[in-house]
Protein backbone atom coordinates (compact mmCIF):
# COMPACT_ATOMS: atom_id res chain seq x y z
CA MET A 1 -64.40 64.44 -10.02
CA VAL A 2 -60.64 63.95 -9.73
CA LYS A 3 -59.34 64.38 -6.21
CA ALA A 4 -55.97 65.80 -5.33
CA SER A 5 -53.54 63.53 -3.52
CA LYS A 6 -51.77 64.36 -0.28
CA SER A 7 -48.79 65.69 -2.16
CA GLY A 8 -50.95 68.32 -3.82
CA THR A 9 -51.04 66.75 -7.29
CA SER A 10 -53.97 65.67 -9.45
CA THR A 11 -54.30 64.04 -12.86
CA ILE A 12 -55.63 66.11 -15.73
CA PHE A 13 -55.58 65.78 -19.52
CA VAL A 14 -54.15 68.59 -21.66
CA CYS A 15 -54.55 69.16 -25.40
CA GLN A 16 -51.08 69.39 -26.93
CA GLN A 17 -52.42 71.61 -29.75
CA CYS A 18 -54.19 74.44 -27.93
CA GLY A 19 -53.64 73.79 -24.19
CA LYS A 20 -57.27 72.97 -23.33
CA GLU A 21 -57.51 71.12 -20.01
CA SER A 22 -60.01 68.42 -19.15
CA LEU A 23 -60.67 66.19 -16.16
CA LYS A 24 -61.13 63.19 -18.47
CA TRP A 25 -59.58 62.00 -21.71
CA LEU A 26 -61.30 63.17 -24.90
CA GLY A 27 -60.80 61.81 -28.38
CA ARG A 28 -61.40 65.21 -29.99
CA CYS A 29 -60.61 68.58 -28.48
CA PRO A 30 -63.80 70.69 -28.26
CA TYR A 31 -61.72 73.90 -28.54
CA CYS A 32 -59.42 73.35 -31.54
CA GLN A 33 -61.28 70.34 -33.05
CA GLN A 34 -58.09 68.25 -33.30
CA TRP A 35 -58.14 64.47 -32.81
CA ASN A 36 -56.02 62.43 -30.35
CA THR A 37 -54.22 65.42 -28.86
CA PHE A 38 -55.05 64.90 -25.15
CA THR A 39 -52.26 63.53 -22.96
CA GLU A 40 -52.18 62.86 -19.26
CA ALA A 41 -50.42 65.40 -17.06
CA ARG A 42 -49.93 66.11 -13.39
CA ALA A 43 -51.20 69.39 -12.00
CA THR A 44 -48.95 70.33 -9.09
CA VAL A 45 -50.20 73.01 -6.72
CA ALA A 46 -46.68 73.78 -5.51
CA ALA A 47 -45.39 74.35 -9.04
CA ALA A 48 -48.21 76.73 -9.84
CA SER A 49 -47.76 78.70 -6.66
CA ALA A 50 -44.02 79.00 -7.25
CA THR A 51 -44.63 81.43 -10.11
CA VAL A 52 -46.47 83.93 -7.92
CA SER A 53 -44.24 86.93 -7.34
CA SER A 54 -44.15 89.11 -4.27
CA LEU A 55 -46.79 91.78 -4.02
CA ASN A 56 -45.79 95.28 -5.07
CA PRO A 57 -47.42 98.35 -3.48
CA PRO A 58 -49.66 100.41 -5.78
CA GLN A 59 -48.17 103.63 -7.14
CA GLU A 60 -49.82 106.78 -8.43
CA LEU A 61 -49.53 107.04 -12.20
CA SER A 62 -48.42 110.67 -12.17
CA ARG A 63 -45.48 109.80 -9.85
CA ILE A 64 -44.08 106.98 -12.00
CA VAL A 65 -40.92 108.11 -13.80
CA THR A 66 -39.67 106.51 -17.00
CA GLY A 67 -35.97 106.26 -17.74
CA ASP A 68 -33.83 106.51 -20.84
CA ARG A 69 -33.19 102.76 -20.78
CA ASP A 70 -36.86 101.76 -20.84
CA ARG A 71 -36.49 101.16 -24.59
CA PHE A 72 -33.22 100.81 -26.49
CA PRO A 73 -32.95 100.45 -30.28
CA LEU A 74 -31.58 97.38 -32.00
CA PRO A 75 -28.65 97.69 -34.44
CA LEU A 76 -30.86 95.98 -37.07
CA PRO A 77 -33.24 98.62 -38.52
CA GLU A 78 -35.61 96.03 -40.03
CA PHE A 79 -35.86 94.18 -36.71
CA ASN A 80 -36.20 97.51 -34.95
CA ARG A 81 -39.10 98.49 -37.22
CA VAL A 82 -41.10 95.36 -36.36
CA LEU A 83 -40.55 95.79 -32.62
CA GLY A 84 -41.93 99.33 -32.76
CA GLY A 85 -38.70 101.27 -32.36
CA GLY A 86 -36.63 99.10 -30.04
CA VAL A 87 -36.63 96.58 -27.21
CA VAL A 88 -38.59 97.48 -24.10
CA SER A 89 -37.02 96.66 -20.74
CA GLY A 90 -38.66 93.66 -19.09
CA SER A 91 -40.48 92.61 -22.26
CA LEU A 92 -40.93 88.99 -23.35
CA THR A 93 -40.77 88.44 -27.12
CA LEU A 94 -41.69 85.18 -28.86
CA ILE A 95 -40.29 84.47 -32.34
CA GLY A 96 -41.86 81.58 -34.24
CA GLY A 97 -41.23 80.04 -37.64
CA ASP A 98 -40.81 76.83 -39.59
CA PRO A 99 -37.76 74.65 -38.91
CA GLY A 100 -34.73 76.00 -40.76
CA ILE A 101 -36.36 79.34 -41.59
CA GLY A 102 -33.62 81.29 -39.78
CA LYS A 103 -34.88 81.95 -36.23
CA SER A 104 -31.60 80.96 -34.55
CA THR A 105 -29.57 82.83 -37.14
CA LEU A 106 -31.54 86.04 -36.61
CA LEU A 107 -31.37 85.77 -32.83
CA LEU A 108 -27.63 85.07 -32.81
CA GLN A 109 -26.94 88.01 -35.13
CA ALA A 110 -29.10 90.37 -33.07
CA ALA A 111 -27.58 89.15 -29.79
CA ALA A 112 -24.03 89.66 -31.10
CA LEU A 113 -24.77 93.21 -32.30
CA ILE A 114 -26.42 94.19 -29.01
CA ALA A 115 -23.56 92.67 -27.02
CA ARG A 116 -21.01 94.63 -29.04
CA GLU A 117 -22.78 97.99 -28.59
CA GLN A 118 -24.79 97.72 -25.34
CA GLY A 119 -23.28 95.19 -22.91
CA ASN A 120 -23.42 91.58 -21.76
CA VAL A 121 -25.90 89.29 -23.51
CA ILE A 122 -26.50 85.63 -22.71
CA TYR A 123 -27.62 83.17 -25.39
CA VAL A 124 -29.13 79.97 -23.98
CA SER A 125 -29.49 77.00 -26.31
CA GLY A 126 -31.17 73.72 -25.47
CA GLU A 127 -30.80 72.33 -28.98
CA GLU A 128 -27.11 72.90 -29.79
CA THR A 129 -23.82 72.48 -27.97
CA LEU A 130 -21.42 75.35 -27.49
CA HIS A 131 -19.15 74.04 -30.25
CA GLN A 132 -22.07 73.84 -32.69
CA ILE A 133 -23.03 77.45 -31.94
CA LYS A 134 -19.38 78.45 -32.38
CA LEU A 135 -19.34 76.85 -35.86
CA ARG A 136 -22.47 78.78 -36.81
CA SER A 137 -21.02 82.03 -35.47
CA GLU A 138 -17.89 81.56 -37.60
CA ARG A 139 -20.04 81.10 -40.69
CA LEU A 140 -21.95 84.27 -39.80
CA LYS A 141 -18.67 86.08 -39.02
CA VAL A 142 -19.84 86.85 -35.49
CA LYS A 143 -16.97 87.58 -33.11
CA GLY A 144 -19.05 87.34 -29.94
CA ASP A 145 -17.51 89.97 -27.67
CA ASN A 146 -19.65 90.27 -24.50
CA LEU A 147 -21.86 87.45 -25.83
CA TYR A 148 -22.03 84.52 -23.41
CA LEU A 149 -23.26 81.07 -24.48
CA LEU A 150 -24.99 78.57 -22.23
CA SER A 151 -26.07 75.07 -23.22
CA GLU A 152 -28.70 74.08 -20.63
CA THR A 153 -32.29 72.86 -20.49
CA ASP A 154 -33.15 73.11 -16.78
CA LEU A 155 -34.83 76.48 -16.26
CA GLU A 156 -33.81 76.84 -12.60
CA SER A 157 -30.14 76.41 -13.52
CA ILE A 158 -30.57 78.84 -16.41
CA LEU A 159 -32.04 81.55 -14.17
CA CYS A 160 -29.23 81.08 -11.62
CA ARG A 161 -26.57 81.52 -14.32
CA ILE A 162 -28.37 84.57 -15.70
CA ASP A 163 -28.52 86.21 -12.27
CA GLU A 164 -24.77 85.71 -11.87
CA LEU A 165 -24.01 87.46 -15.18
CA SER A 166 -26.58 90.33 -14.94
CA PRO A 167 -27.03 90.71 -18.74
CA ILE A 168 -28.99 93.38 -20.59
CA LEU A 169 -30.65 90.80 -22.88
CA VAL A 170 -31.46 87.08 -22.66
CA VAL A 171 -32.13 84.76 -25.60
CA ILE A 172 -33.75 81.33 -25.07
CA ASP A 173 -33.49 78.98 -28.08
CA SER A 174 -35.93 77.36 -27.87
CA ILE A 175 -38.76 77.32 -25.33
CA GLN A 176 -39.71 73.74 -26.27
CA THR A 177 -36.39 72.41 -24.99
CA VAL A 178 -36.52 74.14 -21.58
CA CYS A 179 -38.11 72.30 -18.66
CA LEU A 180 -38.79 72.51 -14.93
CA SER A 181 -37.69 69.53 -12.87
CA GLU A 182 -40.69 69.70 -10.49
CA LEU A 183 -43.09 69.03 -13.38
CA GLU A 184 -43.53 65.43 -14.48
CA ALA A 185 -44.53 66.38 -18.03
CA ALA A 186 -42.02 65.89 -20.83
CA PRO A 187 -40.11 68.89 -22.29
CA GLY A 188 -42.09 70.52 -25.08
CA SER A 189 -45.47 69.59 -23.63
CA ILE A 190 -48.10 72.22 -23.00
CA ALA A 191 -47.58 72.08 -19.24
CA GLN A 192 -43.83 72.58 -19.50
CA VAL A 193 -44.02 75.29 -22.16
CA ARG A 194 -46.64 77.23 -20.22
CA GLU A 195 -44.92 77.05 -16.83
CA CYS A 196 -41.48 77.87 -18.27
CA THR A 197 -42.85 80.86 -20.17
CA LEU A 198 -44.65 82.11 -17.05
CA ARG A 199 -41.47 81.77 -15.02
CA LEU A 200 -39.48 83.68 -17.63
CA MET A 201 -42.17 86.36 -17.79
CA HIS A 202 -42.06 86.93 -14.02
CA TRP A 203 -38.26 87.01 -14.07
CA ALA A 204 -38.19 89.54 -16.93
CA LYS A 205 -40.66 91.87 -15.20
CA GLN A 206 -38.81 91.75 -11.87
CA SER A 207 -35.34 92.22 -13.33
CA ALA A 208 -36.36 94.67 -16.14
CA VAL A 209 -34.32 92.62 -18.62
CA PRO A 210 -35.85 91.83 -22.06
CA VAL A 211 -36.07 88.17 -23.03
CA PHE A 212 -36.31 86.69 -26.54
CA ILE A 213 -37.61 83.13 -26.86
CA ALA A 214 -37.81 81.04 -30.02
CA GLY A 215 -40.81 78.77 -30.61
CA HIS A 216 -41.42 75.92 -33.01
CA VAL A 217 -44.33 75.97 -35.44
CA THR A 218 -46.86 73.13 -35.75
CA LYS A 219 -47.87 71.49 -39.02
CA ASP A 220 -50.80 73.91 -39.23
CA GLY A 221 -48.44 76.90 -39.26
CA ALA A 222 -49.07 78.08 -35.69
CA ILE A 223 -46.68 78.32 -32.76
CA ALA A 224 -46.94 75.22 -30.59
CA GLY A 225 -49.47 76.01 -27.88
CA PRO A 226 -50.40 79.38 -29.45
CA ARG A 227 -53.36 80.19 -27.22
CA VAL A 228 -51.18 79.56 -24.18
CA LEU A 229 -48.05 81.48 -25.16
CA GLU A 230 -49.60 84.41 -27.02
CA HIS A 231 -51.50 85.49 -23.91
CA ILE A 232 -48.36 85.37 -21.77
CA VAL A 233 -45.74 87.11 -23.90
CA ASP A 234 -45.69 90.81 -24.80
CA ILE A 235 -44.68 90.49 -28.47
CA VAL A 236 -45.29 87.69 -30.98
CA LEU A 237 -43.25 87.64 -34.19
CA TYR A 238 -43.38 85.19 -37.10
CA LEU A 239 -40.44 84.64 -39.44
CA GLU A 240 -41.99 83.64 -42.76
CA GLY A 241 -40.62 82.61 -46.13
CA GLU A 242 -40.82 80.01 -48.86
CA SER A 243 -38.29 77.18 -48.94
CA PHE A 244 -37.36 78.03 -52.53
CA SER A 245 -36.91 81.74 -51.83
CA ALA A 246 -34.01 83.48 -50.12
CA TYR A 247 -36.24 86.24 -48.72
CA ARG A 248 -37.67 86.20 -45.19
CA LEU A 249 -40.45 88.36 -43.75
CA LEU A 250 -40.50 89.11 -40.03
CA ARG A 251 -44.15 89.83 -39.25
CA CYS A 252 -45.62 91.06 -35.96
CA VAL A 253 -49.01 89.70 -34.83
CA LYS A 254 -49.02 91.05 -31.26
CA ASN A 255 -47.21 94.00 -29.72
CA ARG A 256 -48.09 95.63 -26.43
CA PHE A 257 -45.63 98.46 -27.05
CA GLY A 258 -46.17 99.31 -30.72
CA SER A 259 -47.96 98.63 -33.98
CA THR A 260 -48.70 95.15 -35.27
CA ASN A 261 -48.69 96.24 -38.92
CA GLU A 262 -44.93 96.45 -39.44
CA VAL A 263 -42.96 93.95 -41.51
CA GLY A 264 -39.20 93.46 -41.72
CA ILE A 265 -37.66 92.00 -44.87
CA PHE A 266 -34.41 90.01 -44.89
CA GLU A 267 -32.43 88.01 -47.42
CA MET A 268 -30.81 84.72 -46.42
CA LYS A 269 -27.22 84.43 -47.60
CA SER A 270 -24.19 82.41 -46.59
CA GLU A 271 -23.18 85.10 -44.07
CA GLY A 272 -26.65 85.12 -42.47
CA LEU A 273 -29.78 87.24 -42.73
CA LEU A 274 -29.10 90.55 -44.45
CA GLU A 275 -31.54 93.45 -44.37
CA VAL A 276 -33.30 94.45 -47.59
CA SER A 277 -33.31 98.25 -47.68
CA ASP A 278 -35.23 98.57 -50.98
CA PRO A 279 -37.62 95.59 -51.22
CA SER A 280 -39.62 96.96 -54.15
CA GLN A 281 -36.51 97.13 -56.32
CA VAL A 282 -35.47 93.63 -55.28
CA PHE A 283 -38.79 91.93 -55.95
CA LEU A 284 -39.16 93.58 -59.35
CA SER A 285 -35.54 93.13 -60.48
CA ARG A 286 -36.26 90.03 -62.59
CA ARG A 287 -39.47 91.29 -64.12
CA LEU A 288 -39.64 91.52 -67.90
CA SER A 289 -40.83 94.81 -69.41
CA HIS A 290 -43.40 93.07 -71.64
CA ARG A 291 -45.26 90.08 -70.28
CA VAL A 292 -48.78 88.71 -70.69
CA GLY A 293 -50.68 88.13 -67.45
CA SER A 294 -48.35 90.22 -65.27
CA VAL A 295 -49.33 93.37 -63.35
CA VAL A 296 -47.46 95.40 -60.73
CA VAL A 297 -49.51 96.41 -57.67
CA PRO A 298 -48.44 99.01 -55.05
CA THR A 299 -49.28 97.54 -51.64
CA ILE A 300 -48.73 98.72 -48.08
CA GLU A 301 -46.78 96.47 -45.71
CA GLY A 302 -46.92 98.06 -42.28
CA SER A 303 -45.94 101.69 -42.65
CA ARG A 304 -44.13 101.52 -45.99
CA PRO A 305 -45.24 100.98 -49.59
CA LEU A 306 -44.09 97.90 -51.46
CA LEU A 307 -44.49 97.01 -55.13
CA ALA A 308 -45.46 93.41 -55.84
CA GLU A 309 -45.82 91.59 -59.13
CA ILE A 310 -49.04 89.58 -59.55
CA GLN A 311 -49.17 86.96 -62.30
CA ALA A 312 -52.18 85.05 -63.61
CA LEU A 313 -52.57 82.17 -66.03
CA THR A 314 -55.81 80.96 -67.61
CA ASN A 315 -56.11 77.69 -69.48
CA PRO A 316 -59.10 75.66 -70.74
CA THR A 317 -59.88 73.00 -68.18
CA SER A 318 -59.45 69.33 -68.98
CA PHE A 319 -62.11 68.38 -66.45
CA GLY A 320 -65.72 69.31 -65.90
CA LEU A 321 -65.02 71.58 -62.94
CA PRO A 322 -62.43 74.36 -63.48
CA ARG A 323 -59.82 74.87 -60.80
CA ARG A 324 -58.90 78.07 -58.98
CA THR A 325 -55.40 78.24 -57.46
CA ALA A 326 -54.14 81.16 -55.38
CA ASN A 327 -50.53 81.50 -54.26
CA GLY A 328 -49.79 84.65 -52.28
CA VAL A 329 -53.27 86.17 -52.75
CA ASP A 330 -56.41 85.50 -50.76
CA PHE A 331 -58.39 82.63 -52.26
CA GLY A 332 -61.72 84.27 -51.44
CA ARG A 333 -60.69 87.49 -53.19
CA LEU A 334 -59.64 85.47 -56.25
CA LEU A 335 -63.10 83.88 -56.43
CA LEU A 336 -64.73 87.30 -56.02
CA VAL A 337 -62.66 88.89 -58.80
CA THR A 338 -63.29 85.92 -61.11
CA ALA A 339 -67.04 86.14 -60.55
CA VAL A 340 -67.08 89.89 -61.25
CA LEU A 341 -65.03 89.40 -64.43
CA SER A 342 -67.50 86.80 -65.65
CA ARG A 343 -70.69 88.62 -64.68
CA ARG A 344 -69.86 92.33 -65.10
CA VAL A 345 -67.11 92.34 -67.73
CA GLY A 346 -68.31 89.42 -69.84
CA LEU A 347 -65.22 87.21 -69.79
CA ARG A 348 -66.14 83.55 -70.29
CA LEU A 349 -64.14 82.06 -67.46
CA GLY A 350 -66.53 79.22 -66.62
CA ASN A 351 -64.39 76.68 -68.51
CA GLN A 352 -60.99 78.14 -67.57
CA ASP A 353 -58.52 77.02 -64.93
CA ILE A 354 -57.19 80.16 -63.21
CA ILE A 355 -53.88 80.35 -61.37
CA ALA A 356 -52.88 83.54 -59.54
CA ASN A 357 -49.41 84.00 -58.06
CA VAL A 358 -47.39 86.70 -56.29
CA THR A 359 -43.73 86.48 -57.27
CA GLY A 360 -40.91 86.31 -54.73
CA GLY A 361 -42.91 84.41 -52.10
CA LEU A 362 -44.78 87.52 -50.96
CA LYS A 363 -48.31 87.42 -49.59
CA VAL A 364 -50.76 90.19 -50.48
CA GLY A 365 -53.95 90.06 -48.46
CA GLU A 366 -55.38 93.56 -48.79
CA PRO A 367 -58.32 94.25 -51.15
CA SER A 368 -56.35 96.96 -52.98
CA ALA A 369 -54.74 94.20 -55.07
CA ASP A 370 -58.12 93.22 -56.61
CA LEU A 371 -57.63 95.41 -59.68
CA GLY A 372 -54.17 93.95 -60.28
CA VAL A 373 -55.50 90.40 -60.06
CA ALA A 374 -58.36 91.22 -62.43
CA LEU A 375 -56.03 92.85 -64.98
CA ALA A 376 -53.65 89.89 -64.86
CA ILE A 377 -56.49 87.41 -65.44
CA ALA A 378 -57.93 89.46 -68.30
CA SER A 379 -54.48 89.86 -69.87
CA SER A 380 -53.82 86.12 -69.76
CA TYR A 381 -57.30 85.19 -71.00
CA ARG A 382 -57.20 87.61 -73.95
CA ASP A 383 -53.48 86.98 -74.55
CA VAL A 384 -52.83 90.72 -74.57
CA GLU A 385 -50.03 92.50 -72.71
CA VAL A 386 -50.61 95.17 -70.11
CA ILE A 387 -49.46 98.55 -71.39
CA PRO A 388 -45.80 99.21 -70.43
CA GLY A 389 -44.98 101.23 -67.32
CA LEU A 390 -48.39 100.65 -65.69
CA VAL A 391 -49.29 99.88 -62.09
CA ALA A 392 -52.83 99.26 -60.87
CA VAL A 393 -54.45 99.65 -57.47
CA GLY A 394 -58.09 99.44 -56.40
CA GLU A 395 -60.69 97.33 -54.65
CA VAL A 396 -63.27 95.61 -56.85
CA GLY A 397 -66.91 95.69 -55.75
CA LEU A 398 -69.56 93.12 -56.62
CA SER A 399 -71.21 95.53 -59.03
CA GLY A 400 -67.99 95.93 -60.98
CA GLU A 401 -67.18 99.33 -59.47
CA LEU A 402 -63.73 100.31 -58.21
CA ARG A 403 -63.52 101.46 -54.62
CA ALA A 404 -60.98 103.81 -53.08
CA VAL A 405 -57.98 102.51 -51.13
CA SER A 406 -56.04 104.02 -48.25
CA GLN A 407 -52.67 105.81 -48.47
CA LEU A 408 -52.97 106.21 -52.23
CA GLU A 409 -50.41 109.03 -52.39
CA ARG A 410 -47.69 106.87 -50.83
CA ARG A 411 -48.44 103.99 -53.18
CA VAL A 412 -48.27 106.23 -56.24
CA GLY A 413 -45.09 107.86 -54.98
CA GLU A 414 -43.35 104.48 -54.63
CA ALA A 415 -44.37 103.53 -58.17
CA ALA A 416 -43.04 106.83 -59.51
CA ARG A 417 -39.76 106.35 -57.66
CA LEU A 418 -39.15 103.07 -59.51
CA GLY A 419 -39.86 104.57 -62.91
CA PHE A 420 -43.47 103.63 -63.62
CA LYS A 421 -45.26 106.19 -65.80
CA ARG A 422 -48.97 105.38 -65.38
CA CYS A 423 -51.17 104.29 -62.51
CA LEU A 424 -54.73 103.00 -62.71
CA VAL A 425 -56.61 104.29 -59.66
CA PRO A 426 -60.29 104.33 -58.61
CA GLU A 427 -62.12 107.44 -59.71
CA THR A 428 -63.41 107.97 -56.18
CA GLY A 429 -60.67 109.07 -53.82
CA CYS A 430 -58.03 109.97 -56.43
CA ARG A 431 -57.74 113.59 -55.30
CA ILE A 432 -54.13 113.48 -54.18
CA GLY A 433 -51.25 115.84 -54.71
CA VAL A 434 -48.94 114.03 -57.12
CA LYS A 435 -48.12 116.94 -59.41
CA ASP A 436 -44.48 116.69 -58.39
CA LYS A 437 -44.41 113.00 -59.25
CA ASP A 438 -43.45 111.99 -62.77
CA ILE A 439 -46.43 109.67 -63.14
CA GLU A 440 -49.82 109.92 -64.83
CA LEU A 441 -52.96 109.02 -62.89
CA ILE A 442 -55.68 107.25 -64.86
CA PRO A 443 -58.91 107.41 -62.81
CA VAL A 444 -61.48 104.76 -63.71
CA ALA A 445 -64.89 104.07 -62.22
CA THR A 446 -65.53 100.45 -63.24
CA LEU A 447 -63.55 97.28 -63.79
CA ARG A 448 -64.63 97.18 -67.43
CA GLY A 449 -63.16 100.64 -67.95
CA ALA A 450 -59.93 99.69 -66.18
CA ILE A 451 -59.43 96.69 -68.47
CA GLY A 452 -60.11 98.91 -71.49
CA PHE A 453 -57.38 101.32 -70.38
CA GLY A 454 -54.94 98.81 -68.97
CA LEU A 455 -54.58 96.28 -71.79
CA ALA A 456 -52.59 97.12 -74.90
CA GLY A 457 -54.92 98.14 -77.74
CA GLY A 458 -57.80 98.45 -75.28
CA GLY A 459 -58.00 94.70 -74.83
CA LYS A 460 -61.04 94.48 -77.05
CA LYS A 461 -60.29 91.25 -78.80
CA SER A 462 -59.92 87.96 -76.95
CA LYS A 463 -58.79 84.56 -78.02
CA SER A 464 -62.36 83.51 -78.67
CA GLY A 465 -63.17 86.77 -80.50
CA GLU A 466 -65.73 88.28 -78.05
CA ASP A 467 -65.61 91.92 -77.02
């Protein structure tokens, strides 16, 4: 057993991937199963005790009064939607994303808008100098009234400067660059990230000032030290997007003050991240009216419907084992749909490579897209177009039946708004009031029946001639 020294410190080993602590060095972390991630660190009793705040007396719940400033809305409606209606006083929000995805751009834009309308905001950067931030603000056309910049990495100095200014919002970019001088660990290590986040959390709760912190993402796509930070902060947001696409999705995975199902959609341009008010229209703007292997699916992202285009391509394999590739759809659902098409519908897909893709860099994970994936695969395999003006929604069961989906009326309404004339829906659960919508509902009970209705000419004849 490791003994503490007279100075109150002891040597421990910390996994840099998940934050697991051990009294001895381990080659493989038993928690996250990663190799060679344990590094030596010093556990200081004084540093840990420094984060303990003064005790507050208990109060009766019925006597606690909430104020008008307990939550204030952001000037960015898409950002506001993800946060659950606004920023809560004293909250700690973590925003993660790949390098260059736009985290700093989004935070600088939001900070400038809040400073212009609400009051003083301080933006702390440990990665850029003040002149570099000024150059970025000029590109984004941010004037910066009431927005104060601070280039510092020592957390104690940062908190002193913040107390002098008394802002209404604090932005830390990023948490991996901030450090505490009493800790011997290097900046960005699990020990530093955890202690700095804890210190910021205690400061935010005591001062009732919301804090936004940016976090880097590891090679596995998770925020560095996720199991450490996600338990400390109040809100965890991910800024997602493909490198080839200009669109960014701000997704919430934890929210103590609202829903975790909301998604904000932005478009990256030269003047920064711009909100996308009509994402369905944007993602379908380049879609051809007649295309083999292409189906439009009405999905639900958070609280709003969104139309996504699913494409599929089948091709005879050049190897003994056919490949299955999923981009934007769940790989397990693709295997399920392929198996049902082969077994229940009779498509000979055993010697076909199958590629499924969601255009625009979107990700559709809900089972309601099963029918769209199946129609796209059948259309590509039989080389027959889907009938014009059709959308499809439904979950595919292992027996080939179509199962009902939630919020069907809102999905159909969004499709009708964008000019689609027909909608394939499961026969069970299609009792919705869409008489005022200029769209025809086609209820089907099985996947075989849906393919018969959905493909032009009934889709009877395939490339190999089977029915």
